[in-house]
Amino acid sequence: MTMQLADSVSLSSSEAKARAHAAAARDNLRTEPRAVRIVIITLAVSFLSVFVVLPLVVVFAQAFSRGILAYLAALAEPEALSAIKLTLLVAAISVGLNLVFGLVAAWAIAKFDFKGRTFLITLIDLPFSVSPVISGLVFVLLFGAQGYFGGWLRDHDIQVLFAVPGIALATTFVTFPFVARALIPLMQEQGTQEEEAAISLGASGLQTFFRVTLPNIKWGVLYGVLLCNARAMGEFGAVSVVSGHIRGETNTMPLLVEILYNEYQFVAAFAIASLLAMLALITLIAKTVLERHLAEGHDASDH
């Protein structure tokens, strides 16, 4: 008993020393000279102001440079309305497909061990390393008139390129890592204990997923969907290759901004751009809220 008490006392004293050293290290990090802290903060604020705040201010200033009526008139143009509708449609398709794929892929990777698991993770990350323009060209090689499936599609009167299906495919490709990458580390951290307990109590696979797994990852799902939607609505490179730039039909909002700007219709171009800027701001706010919920969930699981 005496030895156990001595061991516990020594252990508690060592833990106290470790905590004291950690606190001292944090204090040392926070006690940089005042001049150094001012320089670092100034550089950070200046960088954000030049590359983030200033562009947003310029976009909204140019959009409203001729007044609110001109701004609303630019958004009410048939071509602008068509671009907005197409952007929302393509975003809905790509986010829906990526949500299903991300849930399935994250479930398989985090909950099971199988051959090719690492290779699957590599494939999920592939769009991060491939230029969107290159991915668009791949779809041209596959579905173009001279592509691998071009003859079959032409014979069956199916239009993929220069139409909604091609734009949706290209957007889905460049955005499909977001949901999966948001969920994989979260589900790996949670482990499989709760699912195993539910199955041992007689729950089926679907019941386990909807009643145990999904409630635990709901904030991660929303986080991935948010990032996926923001990227889908702002995608330019891949969509530019496969869309054909048919005015009023296959131009999304980013493509229309470029066209209007090149035609010196600055108010209309910046009016459309302001919608994308608003999306970015909303995404930033929602991302901050979701990250807070994810951090709270992580702290609760630790305790």
C-alpha atoms as a PDB file:
ATOM      1  CA  MET A   1       0.000   0.000   0.000  1.00  0.00           C
ATOM      2  CA  THR A   2       2.819   2.384   0.919  1.00  0.00           C
ATOM      3  CA  MET A   3       4.567   1.726  -2.391  1.00  0.00           C
ATOM      4  CA  GLN A   4       1.350   2.319  -4.313  1.00  0.00           C
ATOM      5  CA  LEU A   5       0.840   5.622  -2.500  1.00  0.00           C
ATOM      6  CA  ALA A   6       4.428   6.596  -3.241  1.00  0.00           C
ATOM      7  CA  ASP A   7       4.002   5.701  -6.914  1.00  0.00           C
ATOM      8  CA  SER A   8       0.779   7.704  -7.145  1.00  0.00           C
ATOM      9  CA  VAL A   9       2.399  10.665  -5.428  1.00  0.00           C
ATOM     10  CA  SER A  10       5.422  10.525  -7.762  1.00  0.00           C
ATOM     11  CA  LEU A  11       3.118  10.161 -10.762  1.00  0.00           C
ATOM     12  CA  SER A  12       1.015  13.138  -9.734  1.00  0.00           C
ATOM     13  CA  SER A  13       4.125  15.206  -9.125  1.00  0.00           C
ATOM     14  CA  SER A  14       5.511  14.294 -12.546  1.00  0.00           C
ATOM     15  CA  GLU A  15       2.195  15.222 -14.162  1.00  0.00           C
ATOM     16  CA  ALA A  16       2.223  18.520 -12.318  1.00  0.00           C
ATOM     17  CA  LYS A  17       5.753  19.207 -13.547  1.00  0.00           C
ATOM     18  CA  ALA A  18       4.771  18.359 -17.098  1.00  0.00           C
ATOM     19  CA  ARG A  19       1.805  20.709 -16.920  1.00  0.00           C
ATOM     20  CA  ALA A  20       4.006  23.424 -15.459  1.00  0.00           C
ATOM     21  CA  HIS A  21       6.526  23.009 -18.305  1.00  0.00           C
ATOM     22  CA  ALA A  22       3.687  23.156 -20.869  1.00  0.00           C
ATOM     23  CA  ALA A  23       2.283  26.303 -19.280  1.00  0.00           C
ATOM     24  CA  ALA A  24       5.753  27.859 -19.234  1.00  0.00           C
ATOM     25  CA  ALA A  25       6.210  27.018 -22.915  1.00  0.00           C
ATOM     26  CA  ARG A  26       2.897  28.653 -23.762  1.00  0.00           C
ATOM     27  CA  ASP A  27       3.850  31.712 -21.750  1.00  0.00           C
ATOM     28  CA  ASN A  28       7.175  31.910 -23.588  1.00  0.00           C
ATOM     29  CA  LEU A  29       5.356  31.839 -26.913  1.00  0.00           C
ATOM     30  CA  ARG A  30       3.130  34.690 -25.788  1.00  0.00           C
ATOM     31  CA  THR A  31       5.924  36.853 -24.425  1.00  0.00           C
ATOM     32  CA  GLU A  32       7.630  37.797 -27.675  1.00  0.00           C
ATOM     33  CA  PRO A  33       8.941  41.357 -27.748  1.00  0.00           C
ATOM     34  CA  ARG A  34       6.229  43.898 -28.407  1.00  0.00           C
ATOM     35  CA  ALA A  35       7.873  45.059 -31.632  1.00  0.00           C
ATOM     36  CA  VAL A  36       7.942  41.502 -32.996  1.00  0.00           C
ATOM     37  CA  ARG A  37       4.266  40.972 -32.196  1.00  0.00           C
ATOM     38  CA  ILE A  38       3.321  44.279 -33.849  1.00  0.00           C
ATOM     39  CA  VAL A  39       5.259  43.394 -37.002  1.00  0.00           C
ATOM     40  CA  ILE A  40       3.697  39.914 -37.231  1.00  0.00           C
ATOM     41  CA  ILE A  41       0.161  41.204 -36.668  1.00  0.00           C
ATOM     42  CA  THR A  42       0.677  44.050 -39.141  1.00  0.00           C
ATOM     43  CA  LEU A  43       1.931  41.675 -41.822  1.00  0.00           C
ATOM     44  CA  ALA A  44      -0.989  39.310 -41.299  1.00  0.00           C
ATOM     45  CA  VAL A  45      -3.593  42.081 -41.371  1.00  0.00           C
ATOM     46  CA  SER A  46      -1.970  43.717 -44.403  1.00  0.00           C
ATOM     47  CA  PHE A  47      -1.899  40.439 -46.309  1.00  0.00           C
ATOM     48  CA  LEU A  48      -5.558  39.744 -45.559  1.00  0.00           C
ATOM     49  CA  SER A  49      -6.540  43.294 -46.438  1.00  0.00           C
ATOM     50  CA  VAL A  50      -4.784  43.254 -49.819  1.00  0.00           C
ATOM     51  CA  PHE A  51      -5.698  39.748 -50.953  1.00  0.00           C
ATOM     52  CA  VAL A  52      -9.101  39.210 -49.296  1.00  0.00           C
ATOM     53  CA  VAL A  53     -10.818  42.373 -48.090  1.00  0.00           C
ATOM     54  CA  LEU A  54      -9.798  44.741 -50.902  1.00  0.00           C
ATOM     55  CA  PRO A  55     -11.001  42.462 -53.759  1.00  0.00           C
ATOM     56  CA  LEU A  56     -14.372  42.021 -52.037  1.00  0.00           C
ATOM     57  CA  VAL A  57     -14.721  45.774 -51.563  1.00  0.00           C
ATOM     58  CA  VAL A  58     -13.852  46.392 -55.222  1.00  0.00           C
ATOM     59  CA  VAL A  59     -16.388  43.800 -56.416  1.00  0.00           C
ATOM     60  CA  PHE A  60     -19.276  45.308 -54.473  1.00  0.00           C
ATOM     61  CA  ALA A  61     -18.220  48.883 -55.244  1.00  0.00           C
ATOM     62  CA  GLN A  62     -18.166  48.191 -58.976  1.00  0.00           C
ATOM     63  CA  ALA A  63     -21.421  46.226 -58.821  1.00  0.00           C
ATOM     64  CA  PHE A  64     -23.263  49.159 -57.241  1.00  0.00           C
ATOM     65  CA  SER A  65     -21.332  51.904 -59.057  1.00  0.00           C
ATOM     66  CA  ARG A  66     -24.412  52.897 -61.081  1.00  0.00           C
ATOM     67  CA  GLY A  67     -26.927  52.424 -58.319  1.00  0.00           C
ATOM     68  CA  ILE A  68     -29.170  49.699 -57.026  1.00  0.00           C
ATOM     69  CA  LEU A  69     -31.519  49.851 -60.022  1.00  0.00           C
ATOM     70  CA  ALA A  70     -28.724  49.127 -62.498  1.00  0.00           C
ATOM     71  CA  TYR A  71     -27.536  46.328 -60.238  1.00  0.00           C
ATOM     72  CA  LEU A  72     -30.979  44.699 -60.101  1.00  0.00           C
ATOM     73  CA  ALA A  73     -31.465  45.219 -63.841  1.00  0.00           C
ATOM     74  CA  ALA A  74     -28.196  43.388 -64.541  1.00  0.00           C
ATOM     75  CA  LEU A  75     -29.295  40.439 -62.421  1.00  0.00           C
ATOM     76  CA  ALA A  76     -32.718  40.387 -64.090  1.00  0.00           C
ATOM     77  CA  GLU A  77     -31.273  39.929 -67.577  1.00  0.00           C
ATOM     78  CA  PRO A  78     -32.392  36.626 -69.181  1.00  0.00           C
ATOM     79  CA  GLU A  79     -28.781  35.593 -69.696  1.00  0.00           C
ATOM     80  CA  ALA A  80     -27.953  36.241 -66.037  1.00  0.00           C
ATOM     81  CA  LEU A  81     -31.030  34.378 -64.813  1.00  0.00           C
ATOM     82  CA  SER A  82     -30.141  31.438 -67.053  1.00  0.00           C
ATOM     83  CA  ALA A  83     -26.592  31.352 -65.648  1.00  0.00           C
ATOM     84  CA  ILE A  84     -27.866  31.504 -62.061  1.00  0.00           C
ATOM     85  CA  LYS A  85     -30.370  28.693 -62.643  1.00  0.00           C
ATOM     86  CA  LEU A  86     -27.768  26.524 -64.368  1.00  0.00           C
ATOM     87  CA  THR A  87     -25.255  27.116 -61.578  1.00  0.00           C
ATOM     88  CA  LEU A  88     -27.785  26.141 -58.918  1.00  0.00           C
ATOM     89  CA  LEU A  89     -28.833  23.053 -60.899  1.00  0.00           C
ATOM     90  CA  VAL A  90     -25.278  21.849 -61.453  1.00  0.00           C
ATOM     91  CA  ALA A  91     -24.383  22.518 -57.810  1.00  0.00           C
ATOM     92  CA  ALA A  92     -27.418  20.524 -56.624  1.00  0.00           C
ATOM     93  CA  ILE A  93     -26.503  17.573 -58.866  1.00  0.00           C
ATOM     94  CA  SER A  94     -22.826  17.518 -57.948  1.00  0.00           C
ATOM     95  CA  VAL A  95     -23.417  18.006 -54.221  1.00  0.00           C
ATOM     96  CA  GLY A  96     -26.042  15.254 -54.174  1.00  0.00           C
ATOM     97  CA  LEU A  97     -23.758  12.795 -55.956  1.00  0.00           C
ATOM     98  CA  ASN A  98     -20.764  13.727 -53.830  1.00  0.00           C
ATOM     99  CA  LEU A  99     -22.797  13.398 -50.648  1.00  0.00           C
ATOM    100  CA  VAL A 100     -23.720   9.808 -51.482  1.00  0.00           C
ATOM    101  CA  PHE A 101     -20.194   8.968 -52.616  1.00  0.00           C
ATOM    102  CA  GLY A 102     -18.580  10.691 -49.628  1.00  0.00           C
ATOM    103  CA  LEU A 103     -20.735   8.846 -47.099  1.00  0.00           C
ATOM    104  CA  VAL A 104     -20.131   5.479 -48.736  1.00  0.00           C
ATOM    105  CA  ALA A 105     -16.390   6.027 -49.203  1.00  0.00           C
ATOM    106  CA  ALA A 106     -15.867   7.374 -45.673  1.00  0.00           C
ATOM    107  CA  TRP A 107     -17.896   4.498 -44.185  1.00  0.00           C
ATOM    108  CA  ALA A 108     -15.851   1.910 -46.110  1.00  0.00           C
ATOM    109  CA  ILE A 109     -12.462   3.484 -45.371  1.00  0.00           C
ATOM    110  CA  ALA A 110     -13.065   4.306 -41.697  1.00  0.00           C
ATOM    111  CA  LYS A 111     -14.997   1.224 -40.619  1.00  0.00           C
ATOM    112  CA  PHE A 112     -13.447  -1.624 -42.641  1.00  0.00           C
ATOM    113  CA  ASP A 113     -10.011  -2.969 -43.522  1.00  0.00           C
ATOM    114  CA  PHE A 114      -9.710  -4.204 -47.101  1.00  0.00           C
ATOM    115  CA  LYS A 115      -7.194  -4.483 -49.901  1.00  0.00           C
ATOM    116  CA  GLY A 116      -6.901  -1.326 -51.943  1.00  0.00           C
ATOM    117  CA  ARG A 117      -7.937   0.936 -49.072  1.00  0.00           C
ATOM    118  CA  THR A 118      -4.893   3.192 -49.465  1.00  0.00           C
ATOM    119  CA  PHE A 119      -5.348   3.244 -53.232  1.00  0.00           C
ATOM    120  CA  LEU A 120      -8.971   4.357 -52.782  1.00  0.00           C
ATOM    121  CA  ILE A 121      -7.857   7.245 -50.563  1.00  0.00           C
ATOM    122  CA  THR A 122      -5.324   8.237 -53.238  1.00  0.00           C
ATOM    123  CA  LEU A 123      -8.026   8.222 -55.914  1.00  0.00           C
ATOM    124  CA  ILE A 124     -10.243  10.418 -53.741  1.00  0.00           C
ATOM    125  CA  ASP A 125      -7.431  12.979 -53.507  1.00  0.00           C
ATOM    126  CA  LEU A 126      -6.740  12.862 -57.260  1.00  0.00           C
ATOM    127  CA  PRO A 127      -8.827  15.970 -58.199  1.00  0.00           C
ATOM    128  CA  PHE A 128      -6.740  18.010 -55.754  1.00  0.00           C
ATOM    129  CA  SER A 129      -3.602  17.340 -57.826  1.00  0.00           C
ATOM    130  CA  VAL A 130      -5.102  17.475 -61.334  1.00  0.00           C
ATOM    131  CA  SER A 131      -5.757  20.807 -63.008  1.00  0.00           C
ATOM    132  CA  PRO A 132      -9.486  21.407 -63.597  1.00  0.00           C
ATOM    133  CA  VAL A 133      -8.689  22.217 -67.227  1.00  0.00           C
ATOM    134  CA  ILE A 134      -7.047  18.803 -67.636  1.00  0.00           C
ATOM    135  CA  SER A 135     -10.066  17.091 -66.088  1.00  0.00           C
ATOM    136  CA  GLY A 136     -12.293  18.940 -68.540  1.00  0.00           C
ATOM    137  CA  LEU A 137     -10.137  17.760 -71.432  1.00  0.00           C
ATOM    138  CA  VAL A 138     -10.478  14.179 -70.195  1.00  0.00           C
ATOM    139  CA  PHE A 139     -14.254  14.440 -70.560  1.00  0.00           C
ATOM    140  CA  VAL A 140     -13.769  15.866 -74.063  1.00  0.00           C
ATOM    141  CA  LEU A 141     -11.653  12.821 -74.964  1.00  0.00           C
ATOM    142  CA  LEU A 142     -14.313  10.522 -73.548  1.00  0.00           C
ATOM    143  CA  PHE A 143     -17.545  12.107 -74.761  1.00  0.00           C
ATOM    144  CA  GLY A 144     -16.483  14.391 -77.617  1.00  0.00           C
ATOM    145  CA  ALA A 145     -17.402  13.774 -81.248  1.00  0.00           C
ATOM    146  CA  GLN A 146     -14.035  12.046 -81.785  1.00  0.00           C
ATOM    147  CA  GLY A 147     -13.878  10.578 -78.281  1.00  0.00           C
ATOM    148  CA  TYR A 148     -14.139   7.001 -77.097  1.00  0.00           C
ATOM    149  CA  PHE A 149     -17.900   7.166 -76.597  1.00  0.00           C
ATOM    150  CA  GLY A 150     -18.594   9.935 -79.103  1.00  0.00           C
ATOM    151  CA  GLY A 151     -19.881   7.679 -81.887  1.00  0.00           C
ATOM    152  CA  TRP A 152     -22.194   5.712 -79.597  1.00  0.00           C
ATOM    153  CA  LEU A 153     -23.589   8.893 -78.051  1.00  0.00           C
ATOM    154  CA  ARG A 154     -24.158  10.413 -81.492  1.00  0.00           C
ATOM    155  CA  ASP A 155     -25.942   7.288 -82.733  1.00  0.00           C
ATOM    156  CA  HIS A 156     -28.271   7.356 -79.723  1.00  0.00           C
ATOM    157  CA  ASP A 157     -28.798  11.120 -79.883  1.00  0.00           C
ATOM    158  CA  ILE A 158     -27.350  11.716 -76.418  1.00  0.00           C
ATOM    159  CA  GLN A 159     -25.698  15.086 -75.770  1.00  0.00           C
ATOM    160  CA  VAL A 160     -23.100  15.120 -72.987  1.00  0.00           C
ATOM    161  CA  LEU A 161     -20.630  17.816 -73.937  1.00  0.00           C
ATOM    162  CA  PHE A 162     -21.849  21.387 -74.374  1.00  0.00           C
ATOM    163  CA  ALA A 163     -24.902  20.499 -72.275  1.00  0.00           C
ATOM    164  CA  VAL A 164     -25.920  20.105 -68.641  1.00  0.00           C
ATOM    165  CA  PRO A 165     -24.682  16.479 -68.273  1.00  0.00           C
ATOM    166  CA  GLY A 166     -21.129  17.400 -69.264  1.00  0.00           C
ATOM    167  CA  ILE A 167     -21.067  20.421 -66.946  1.00  0.00           C
ATOM    168  CA  ALA A 168     -22.447  18.310 -64.084  1.00  0.00           C
ATOM    169  CA  LEU A 169     -19.887  15.547 -64.688  1.00  0.00           C
ATOM    170  CA  ALA A 170     -16.955  17.967 -64.764  1.00  0.00           C
ATOM    171  CA  THR A 171     -18.165  19.753 -61.629  1.00  0.00           C
ATOM    172  CA  THR A 172     -18.752  16.474 -59.791  1.00  0.00           C
ATOM    173  CA  PHE A 173     -15.231  15.306 -60.617  1.00  0.00           C
ATOM    174  CA  VAL A 174     -13.469  18.394 -59.288  1.00  0.00           C
ATOM    175  CA  THR A 175     -15.589  18.489 -56.117  1.00  0.00           C
ATOM    176  CA  PHE A 176     -15.979  14.875 -55.052  1.00  0.00           C
ATOM    177  CA  PRO A 177     -13.079  14.821 -52.512  1.00  0.00           C
ATOM    178  CA  PHE A 178     -14.650  17.432 -50.229  1.00  0.00           C
ATOM    179  CA  VAL A 179     -17.345  15.398 -48.470  1.00  0.00           C
ATOM    180  CA  ALA A 180     -15.233  12.249 -48.220  1.00  0.00           C
ATOM    181  CA  ARG A 181     -12.172  14.070 -46.870  1.00  0.00           C
ATOM    182  CA  ALA A 182     -14.283  15.880 -44.299  1.00  0.00           C
ATOM    183  CA  LEU A 183     -15.775  12.613 -43.014  1.00  0.00           C
ATOM    184  CA  ILE A 184     -12.907  10.113 -43.162  1.00  0.00           C
ATOM    185  CA  PRO A 185     -10.801  11.506 -40.250  1.00  0.00           C
ATOM    186  CA  LEU A 186     -13.931  12.180 -38.201  1.00  0.00           C
ATOM    187  CA  MET A 187     -15.231   8.632 -38.597  1.00  0.00           C
ATOM    188  CA  GLN A 188     -11.794   7.132 -38.008  1.00  0.00           C
ATOM    189  CA  GLU A 189     -11.504   9.066 -34.761  1.00  0.00           C
ATOM    190  CA  GLN A 190     -14.894   7.842 -33.558  1.00  0.00           C
ATOM    191  CA  GLY A 191     -13.965   4.206 -34.094  1.00  0.00           C
ATOM    192  CA  THR A 192     -16.401   1.313 -34.406  1.00  0.00           C
ATOM    193  CA  GLN A 193     -17.405   0.654 -30.797  1.00  0.00           C
ATOM    194  CA  GLU A 194     -20.845   2.243 -31.006  1.00  0.00           C
ATOM    195  CA  GLU A 195     -21.677   0.515 -34.285  1.00  0.00           C
ATOM    196  CA  GLU A 196     -20.549  -2.856 -32.911  1.00  0.00           C
ATOM    197  CA  ALA A 197     -22.683  -2.338 -29.806  1.00  0.00           C
ATOM    198  CA  ALA A 198     -25.736  -1.498 -31.924  1.00  0.00           C
ATOM    199  CA  ILE A 199     -25.256  -4.558 -34.138  1.00  0.00           C
ATOM    200  CA  SER A 200     -24.805  -6.794 -31.086  1.00  0.00           C
ATOM    201  CA  LEU A 201     -28.163  -5.519 -29.832  1.00  0.00           C
ATOM    202  CA  GLY A 202     -29.842  -6.628 -33.055  1.00  0.00           C
ATOM    203  CA  ALA A 203     -29.769  -3.483 -35.206  1.00  0.00           C
ATOM    204  CA  SER A 204     -29.389  -3.915 -38.944  1.00  0.00           C
ATOM    205  CA  GLY A 205     -26.710  -2.185 -41.003  1.00  0.00           C
ATOM    206  CA  LEU A 206     -29.050   0.575 -42.173  1.00  0.00           C
ATOM    207  CA  GLN A 207     -30.462   1.088 -38.677  1.00  0.00           C
ATOM    208  CA  THR A 208     -26.940   1.344 -37.300  1.00  0.00           C
ATOM    209  CA  PHE A 209     -25.984   3.892 -39.934  1.00  0.00           C
ATOM    210  CA  PHE A 210     -29.039   6.150 -39.581  1.00  0.00           C
ATOM    211  CA  ARG A 211     -29.398   5.921 -35.781  1.00  0.00           C
ATOM    212  CA  VAL A 212     -25.779   5.720 -34.620  1.00  0.00           C
ATOM    213  CA  THR A 213     -23.256   6.770 -37.270  1.00  0.00           C
ATOM    214  CA  LEU A 214     -25.116   9.586 -39.027  1.00  0.00           C
ATOM    215  CA  PRO A 215     -26.036  11.527 -35.834  1.00  0.00           C
ATOM    216  CA  ASN A 216     -22.375  11.408 -34.805  1.00  0.00           C
ATOM    217  CA  ILE A 217     -21.114  12.813 -38.104  1.00  0.00           C
ATOM    218  CA  LYS A 218     -23.898  15.265 -38.944  1.00  0.00           C
ATOM    219  CA  TRP A 219     -21.721  18.362 -38.476  1.00  0.00           C
ATOM    220  CA  GLY A 220     -18.970  16.808 -40.572  1.00  0.00           C
ATOM    221  CA  VAL A 221     -21.506  16.050 -43.311  1.00  0.00           C
ATOM    222  CA  LEU A 222     -22.717  19.653 -43.316  1.00  0.00           C
ATOM    223  CA  TYR A 223     -19.128  20.892 -43.352  1.00  0.00           C
ATOM    224  CA  GLY A 224     -18.253  18.764 -46.382  1.00  0.00           C
ATOM    225  CA  VAL A 225     -21.463  19.694 -48.204  1.00  0.00           C
ATOM    226  CA  LEU A 226     -20.790  23.382 -47.558  1.00  0.00           C
ATOM    227  CA  LEU A 227     -17.292  23.268 -49.051  1.00  0.00           C
ATOM    228  CA  CYS A 228     -18.453  21.101 -51.938  1.00  0.00           C
ATOM    229  CA  ASN A 229     -21.281  23.494 -52.795  1.00  0.00           C
ATOM    230  CA  ALA A 230     -19.013  26.546 -52.669  1.00  0.00           C
ATOM    231  CA  ARG A 231     -16.489  24.917 -55.006  1.00  0.00           C
ATOM    232  CA  ALA A 232     -19.226  23.654 -57.345  1.00  0.00           C
ATOM    233  CA  MET A 233     -20.807  27.088 -57.752  1.00  0.00           C
ATOM    234  CA  GLY A 234     -17.449  28.764 -58.320  1.00  0.00           C
ATOM    235  CA  GLU A 235     -15.845  26.183 -60.627  1.00  0.00           C
ATOM    236  CA  PHE A 236     -14.460  27.704 -63.818  1.00  0.00           C
ATOM    237  CA  GLY A 237     -11.695  25.677 -65.472  1.00  0.00           C
ATOM    238  CA  ALA A 238     -13.326  22.291 -66.053  1.00  0.00           C
ATOM    239  CA  VAL A 239     -16.718  23.823 -66.835  1.00  0.00           C
ATOM    240  CA  SER A 240     -15.143  26.219 -69.334  1.00  0.00           C
ATOM    241  CA  VAL A 241     -13.756  23.296 -71.335  1.00  0.00           C
ATOM    242  CA  VAL A 242     -16.948  21.210 -71.520  1.00  0.00           C
ATOM    243  CA  SER A 243     -19.631  23.919 -71.651  1.00  0.00           C
ATOM    244  CA  GLY A 244     -19.116  25.286 -75.156  1.00  0.00           C
ATOM    245  CA  HIS A 245     -19.965  28.806 -73.897  1.00  0.00           C
ATOM    246  CA  ILE A 246     -23.432  28.751 -75.446  1.00  0.00           C
ATOM    247  CA  ARG A 247     -24.980  32.004 -74.252  1.00  0.00           C
ATOM    248  CA  GLY A 248     -28.190  31.584 -72.336  1.00  0.00           C
ATOM    249  CA  GLU A 249     -27.771  27.792 -72.230  1.00  0.00           C
ATOM    250  CA  THR A 250     -24.431  26.474 -70.959  1.00  0.00           C
ATOM    251  CA  ASN A 251     -22.850  29.465 -69.238  1.00  0.00           C
ATOM    252  CA  THR A 252     -22.598  29.221 -65.475  1.00  0.00           C
ATOM    253  CA  MET A 253     -22.098  32.294 -63.314  1.00  0.00           C
ATOM    254  CA  PRO A 254     -18.252  32.265 -63.403  1.00  0.00           C
ATOM    255  CA  LEU A 255     -18.268  31.848 -67.196  1.00  0.00           C
ATOM    256  CA  LEU A 256     -20.782  34.650 -67.614  1.00  0.00           C
ATOM    257  CA  VAL A 257     -18.652  36.975 -65.486  1.00  0.00           C
ATOM    258  CA  GLU A 258     -15.714  36.453 -67.841  1.00  0.00           C
ATOM    259  CA  ILE A 259     -17.851  36.996 -70.955  1.00  0.00           C
ATOM    260  CA  LEU A 260     -19.463  40.184 -69.640  1.00  0.00           C
ATOM    261  CA  TYR A 261     -16.152  41.578 -68.463  1.00  0.00           C
ATOM    262  CA  ASN A 262     -14.521  40.920 -71.852  1.00  0.00           C
ATOM    263  CA  GLU A 263     -17.441  42.769 -73.470  1.00  0.00           C
ATOM    264  CA  TYR A 264     -16.850  45.772 -71.172  1.00  0.00           C
ATOM    265  CA  GLN A 265     -20.188  45.281 -69.397  1.00  0.00           C
ATOM    266  CA  PHE A 266     -18.532  45.934 -66.059  1.00  0.00           C
ATOM    267  CA  VAL A 267     -21.620  46.560 -63.945  1.00  0.00           C
ATOM    268  CA  ALA A 268     -23.272  43.350 -65.122  1.00  0.00           C
ATOM    269  CA  ALA A 269     -20.048  41.373 -64.681  1.00  0.00           C
ATOM    270  CA  PHE A 270     -19.481  42.632 -61.152  1.00  0.00           C
ATOM    271  CA  ALA A 271     -23.155  42.173 -60.295  1.00  0.00           C
ATOM    272  CA  ILE A 272     -22.868  38.449 -61.062  1.00  0.00           C
ATOM    273  CA  ALA A 273     -19.492  38.359 -59.307  1.00  0.00           C
ATOM    274  CA  SER A 274     -21.060  39.926 -56.219  1.00  0.00           C
ATOM    275  CA  LEU A 275     -23.407  36.948 -55.936  1.00  0.00           C
ATOM    276  CA  LEU A 276     -20.391  34.632 -55.886  1.00  0.00           C
ATOM    277  CA  ALA A 277     -18.727  36.921 -53.350  1.00  0.00           C
ATOM    278  CA  MET A 278     -21.830  36.748 -51.148  1.00  0.00           C
ATOM    279  CA  LEU A 279     -21.670  32.973 -51.419  1.00  0.00           C
ATOM    280  CA  ALA A 280     -18.047  33.110 -50.270  1.00  0.00           C
ATOM    281  CA  LEU A 281     -18.943  35.247 -47.250  1.00  0.00           C
ATOM    282  CA  ILE A 282     -21.874  33.016 -46.307  1.00  0.00           C
ATOM    283  CA  THR A 283     -19.643  29.975 -46.716  1.00  0.00           C
ATOM    284  CA  LEU A 284     -17.017  31.546 -44.461  1.00  0.00           C
ATOM    285  CA  ILE A 285     -19.541  32.281 -41.711  1.00  0.00           C
ATOM    286  CA  ALA A 286     -21.147  28.848 -41.949  1.00  0.00           C
ATOM    287  CA  LYS A 287     -17.708  27.202 -42.008  1.00  0.00           C
ATOM    288  CA  THR A 288     -16.752  28.990 -38.785  1.00  0.00           C
ATOM    289  CA  VAL A 289     -19.965  27.863 -37.076  1.00  0.00           C
ATOM    290  CA  LEU A 290     -19.550  24.256 -38.222  1.00  0.00           C
ATOM    291  CA  GLU A 291     -15.905  24.160 -37.151  1.00  0.00           C
ATOM    292  CA  ARG A 292     -17.008  25.316 -33.698  1.00  0.00           C
ATOM    293  CA  HIS A 293     -19.566  22.499 -33.516  1.00  0.00           C
ATOM    294  CA  LEU A 294     -16.947  19.993 -34.674  1.00  0.00           C
ATOM    295  CA  ALA A 295     -14.503  21.240 -32.028  1.00  0.00           C
ATOM    296  CA  GLU A 296     -17.180  20.983 -29.324  1.00  0.00           C
ATOM    297  CA  GLY A 297     -17.990  17.450 -30.425  1.00  0.00           C
ATOM    298  CA  HIS A 298     -14.286  16.563 -30.336  1.00  0.00           C
ATOM    299  CA  ASP A 299     -13.919  17.965 -26.809  1.00  0.00           C
ATOM    300  CA  ALA A 300     -17.010  16.082 -25.644  1.00  0.00           C
ATOM    301  CA  SER A 301     -15.657  12.796 -27.038  1.00  0.00           C
ATOM    302  CA  ASP A 302     -12.339  13.378 -25.229  1.00  0.00           C
ATOM    303  CA  HIS A 303     -14.131  13.741 -21.926  1.00  0.00           C
END
